Amino acid sequence: MKTFATLLLSFVVASTALLAQNSTKTAAAKPADTKPIAQLSWLVGGVWTADASAMGDGMQRIETRYTWSDNSAFLRFNTHFVAEQGTLKQYDGQFFFDPEKSTLAMWYMDSKNGITQGSIAVDGDTTQFTFRGQDFDGKLADLRVLLPRKSNDHYLWQLEEKSQDTWKPLAKLDYLRTP
């Protein structure tokens, strides 16, 4: 009987370890390249940092992190503003595929509980985010961010506001990834 109990315990321990190993592999798996969200997979990993010292008021840098969701169906991101006075955890959101609209989409919440939603379009090495939000004067406006990828560890972030039939540049940051 003691041998059977020992054998059973060994089987349970081995099975649990195998299940844990397989679930870890599944959770870390990236989506198949055929999923539309895979177009943004190059963003995942490390910390993307932009020098924000020119913004004044003690701002030093902006840090953004992108990670896969546990089921690899969407990307999570968060953006922190790092200043001499401390770190403001400014944005937290997701990039995902919206099957109803057959397009990539996004939503995020800012540190004051404001929610922003918009669409995402990928054209070669440039990703475009379009949304309604407050401009630097605090008025509601049509905005877009252009994100041209320079390499797998470098992109530009360009914020623009729609003004009649053109887009007016508002801000530009240079992001580099560190491990």
Protein backbone atom coordinates (compact mmCIF):
# COMPACT_ATOMS: atom_id res chain seq x y z
CA MET A 1 0.00 0.00 0.00
CA LYS A 2 2.86 2.37 0.85
CA THR A 3 4.40 1.76 -2.58
CA PHE A 4 1.08 2.52 -4.31
CA ALA A 5 0.71 5.79 -2.35
CA THR A 6 4.28 6.79 -3.22
CA LEU A 7 3.69 5.97 -6.89
CA LEU A 8 0.41 7.91 -6.91
CA LEU A 9 2.04 10.91 -5.23
CA SER A 10 4.89 10.84 -7.79
CA PHE A 11 2.34 10.72 -10.63
CA VAL A 12 0.39 13.68 -9.20
CA VAL A 13 3.56 15.75 -8.72
CA ALA A 14 4.82 14.93 -12.24
CA SER A 15 1.42 15.65 -13.81
CA THR A 16 1.10 18.96 -11.96
CA ALA A 17 4.59 19.99 -13.09
CA LEU A 18 3.79 19.03 -16.68
CA LEU A 19 0.50 20.96 -16.62
CA ALA A 20 2.19 24.00 -15.12
CA GLN A 21 4.93 23.85 -17.75
CA ASN A 22 2.41 23.58 -20.61
CA SER A 23 0.21 26.39 -19.25
CA THR A 24 3.26 28.65 -18.95
CA LYS A 25 4.15 27.92 -22.57
CA THR A 26 0.60 28.66 -23.66
CA ALA A 27 0.40 31.94 -21.69
CA ALA A 28 3.69 33.18 -23.13
CA ALA A 29 2.79 32.14 -26.68
CA LYS A 30 2.43 34.90 -29.19
CA PRO A 31 -0.56 34.97 -31.54
CA ALA A 32 -0.25 33.36 -34.93
CA ASP A 33 1.00 35.75 -37.59
CA THR A 34 -2.39 35.45 -39.28
CA LYS A 35 -4.08 37.36 -36.44
CA PRO A 36 -4.34 41.09 -37.24
CA ILE A 37 -2.97 42.04 -33.79
CA ALA A 38 0.31 40.31 -34.74
CA GLN A 39 1.15 43.42 -36.81
CA LEU A 40 1.93 45.18 -33.51
CA SER A 41 3.96 42.36 -31.95
CA TRP A 42 7.25 44.17 -32.60
CA LEU A 43 6.34 46.60 -29.79
CA VAL A 44 6.32 43.90 -27.09
CA GLY A 45 9.18 43.70 -24.61
CA GLY A 46 11.51 46.04 -22.83
CA VAL A 47 10.87 49.67 -22.00
CA TRP A 48 10.32 52.26 -24.72
CA THR A 49 11.76 55.59 -23.52
CA ALA A 50 11.54 59.11 -24.94
CA ASP A 51 13.51 62.11 -23.70
CA ALA A 52 10.89 64.61 -22.46
CA SER A 53 13.21 67.15 -20.83
CA ALA A 54 12.29 69.80 -23.43
CA MET A 55 8.70 69.77 -22.08
CA GLY A 56 9.87 71.64 -18.97
CA ASP A 57 8.37 71.49 -15.45
CA GLY A 58 10.97 68.93 -14.40
CA MET A 59 9.91 66.32 -16.96
CA GLN A 60 12.71 63.90 -17.70
CA ARG A 61 11.34 61.09 -19.82
CA ILE A 62 8.27 59.13 -20.88
CA GLU A 63 8.32 55.34 -20.55
CA THR A 64 5.92 52.98 -22.33
CA ARG A 65 5.69 49.22 -21.89
CA TYR A 66 3.83 46.81 -24.17
CA THR A 67 2.97 43.25 -23.12
CA TRP A 68 0.78 40.45 -24.45
CA SER A 69 -2.44 39.64 -22.64
CA ASP A 70 -2.41 36.26 -20.92
CA ASN A 71 -4.34 34.71 -23.81
CA SER A 72 -2.27 36.52 -26.48
CA ALA A 73 -5.43 38.07 -27.96
CA PHE A 74 -4.48 41.73 -27.37
CA LEU A 75 -1.64 44.01 -26.29
CA ARG A 76 -1.59 45.86 -22.99
CA PHE A 77 0.33 49.08 -22.62
CA ASN A 78 1.10 51.60 -19.93
CA THR A 79 2.78 54.98 -20.12
CA HIS A 80 4.56 56.69 -17.23
CA PHE A 81 5.72 60.30 -17.11
CA VAL A 82 8.96 60.44 -15.14
CA ALA A 83 9.83 63.84 -13.63
CA GLU A 84 12.12 65.20 -10.95
CA GLN A 85 9.11 65.22 -8.59
CA GLY A 86 8.28 61.55 -9.19
CA THR A 87 6.50 59.25 -11.64
CA LEU A 88 2.96 59.79 -12.90
CA LYS A 89 1.35 56.57 -14.16
CA GLN A 90 -0.53 58.44 -16.89
CA TYR A 91 -2.03 55.91 -19.34
CA ASP A 92 -3.09 52.26 -19.22
CA GLY A 93 -4.82 50.60 -22.14
CA GLN A 94 -5.12 47.95 -24.80
CA PHE A 95 -4.70 47.41 -28.53
CA PHE A 96 -7.01 44.73 -29.96
CA PHE A 97 -8.80 43.46 -33.05
CA ASP A 98 -12.47 44.53 -33.21
CA PRO A 99 -14.29 41.77 -35.14
CA GLU A 100 -17.48 43.85 -35.54
CA LYS A 101 -15.59 46.55 -37.42
CA SER A 102 -12.91 44.21 -38.86
CA THR A 103 -10.19 46.60 -37.75
CA LEU A 104 -7.59 47.10 -35.07
CA ALA A 105 -8.73 49.35 -32.25
CA MET A 106 -7.57 50.81 -28.95
CA TRP A 107 -8.82 52.17 -25.69
CA TYR A 108 -7.00 53.61 -22.71
CA MET A 109 -7.70 55.35 -19.43
CA ASP A 110 -5.68 58.28 -18.15
CA SER A 111 -4.74 59.00 -14.55
CA LYS A 112 -7.83 61.19 -14.13
CA ASN A 113 -10.19 58.37 -15.26
CA GLY A 114 -10.74 59.80 -18.75
CA ILE A 115 -11.34 57.09 -21.36
CA THR A 116 -10.14 57.44 -24.95
CA GLN A 117 -11.11 55.07 -27.76
CA GLY A 118 -10.01 54.98 -31.36
CA SER A 119 -8.96 53.02 -34.39
CA ILE A 120 -5.59 51.70 -35.48
CA ALA A 121 -4.36 51.31 -39.06
CA VAL A 122 -1.05 49.71 -40.05
CA ASP A 123 0.49 50.61 -43.41
CA GLY A 124 3.93 49.06 -43.83
CA ASP A 125 6.19 50.46 -41.11
CA THR A 126 3.76 53.22 -40.07
CA THR A 127 0.99 52.71 -37.54
CA GLN A 128 -1.73 55.35 -37.23
CA PHE A 129 -3.98 55.85 -34.19
CA THR A 130 -7.01 58.13 -34.67
CA PHE A 131 -9.24 59.31 -31.83
CA ARG A 132 -11.12 62.24 -30.26
CA GLY A 133 -9.36 63.82 -27.32
CA GLN A 134 -8.29 67.04 -25.70
CA ASP A 135 -5.60 69.02 -27.43
CA PHE A 136 -3.01 71.09 -25.52
CA ASP A 137 -5.54 73.92 -25.15
CA GLY A 138 -8.01 71.55 -23.46
CA LYS A 139 -10.54 71.57 -26.29
CA LEU A 140 -12.00 68.38 -27.79
CA ALA A 141 -10.42 67.67 -31.18
CA ASP A 142 -9.83 64.99 -33.80
CA LEU A 143 -6.32 63.72 -33.14
CA ARG A 144 -3.99 61.15 -34.58
CA VAL A 145 -0.67 59.66 -33.65
CA LEU A 146 1.65 58.51 -36.39
CA LEU A 147 4.14 55.88 -35.30
CA PRO A 148 6.75 55.29 -38.00
CA ARG A 149 8.99 52.35 -37.07
CA LYS A 150 12.64 53.15 -37.72
CA SER A 151 13.88 49.74 -36.49
CA ASN A 152 12.65 47.04 -34.10
CA ASP A 153 14.05 49.17 -31.23
CA HIS A 154 13.25 52.70 -32.45
CA TYR A 155 10.08 54.56 -33.42
CA LEU A 156 8.88 58.15 -33.72
CA TRP A 157 5.69 59.29 -31.97
CA GLN A 158 4.01 62.21 -33.76
CA LEU A 159 0.80 63.77 -32.40
CA GLU A 160 -1.29 65.77 -34.87
CA GLU A 161 -4.61 67.66 -34.70
CA LYS A 162 -7.06 67.86 -37.58
CA SER A 163 -7.52 71.44 -38.75
CA GLN A 164 -10.08 71.61 -41.57
CA ASP A 165 -8.63 69.30 -44.27
CA THR A 166 -5.05 69.09 -42.97
CA TRP A 167 -3.22 67.69 -39.94
CA LYS A 168 -1.32 70.17 -37.77
CA PRO A 169 1.73 68.77 -35.87
CA LEU A 170 1.46 69.21 -32.08
CA ALA A 171 4.31 67.13 -30.62
CA LYS A 172 7.00 64.68 -31.63
CA LEU A 173 9.01 62.24 -29.52
CA ASP A 174 11.78 59.79 -30.37
CA TYR A 175 11.36 56.41 -28.58
CA LEU A 176 14.12 53.85 -28.08
CA ARG A 177 13.72 50.41 -26.53
CA THR A 178 15.92 49.14 -23.73
CA PRO A 179 15.72 45.54 -22.42
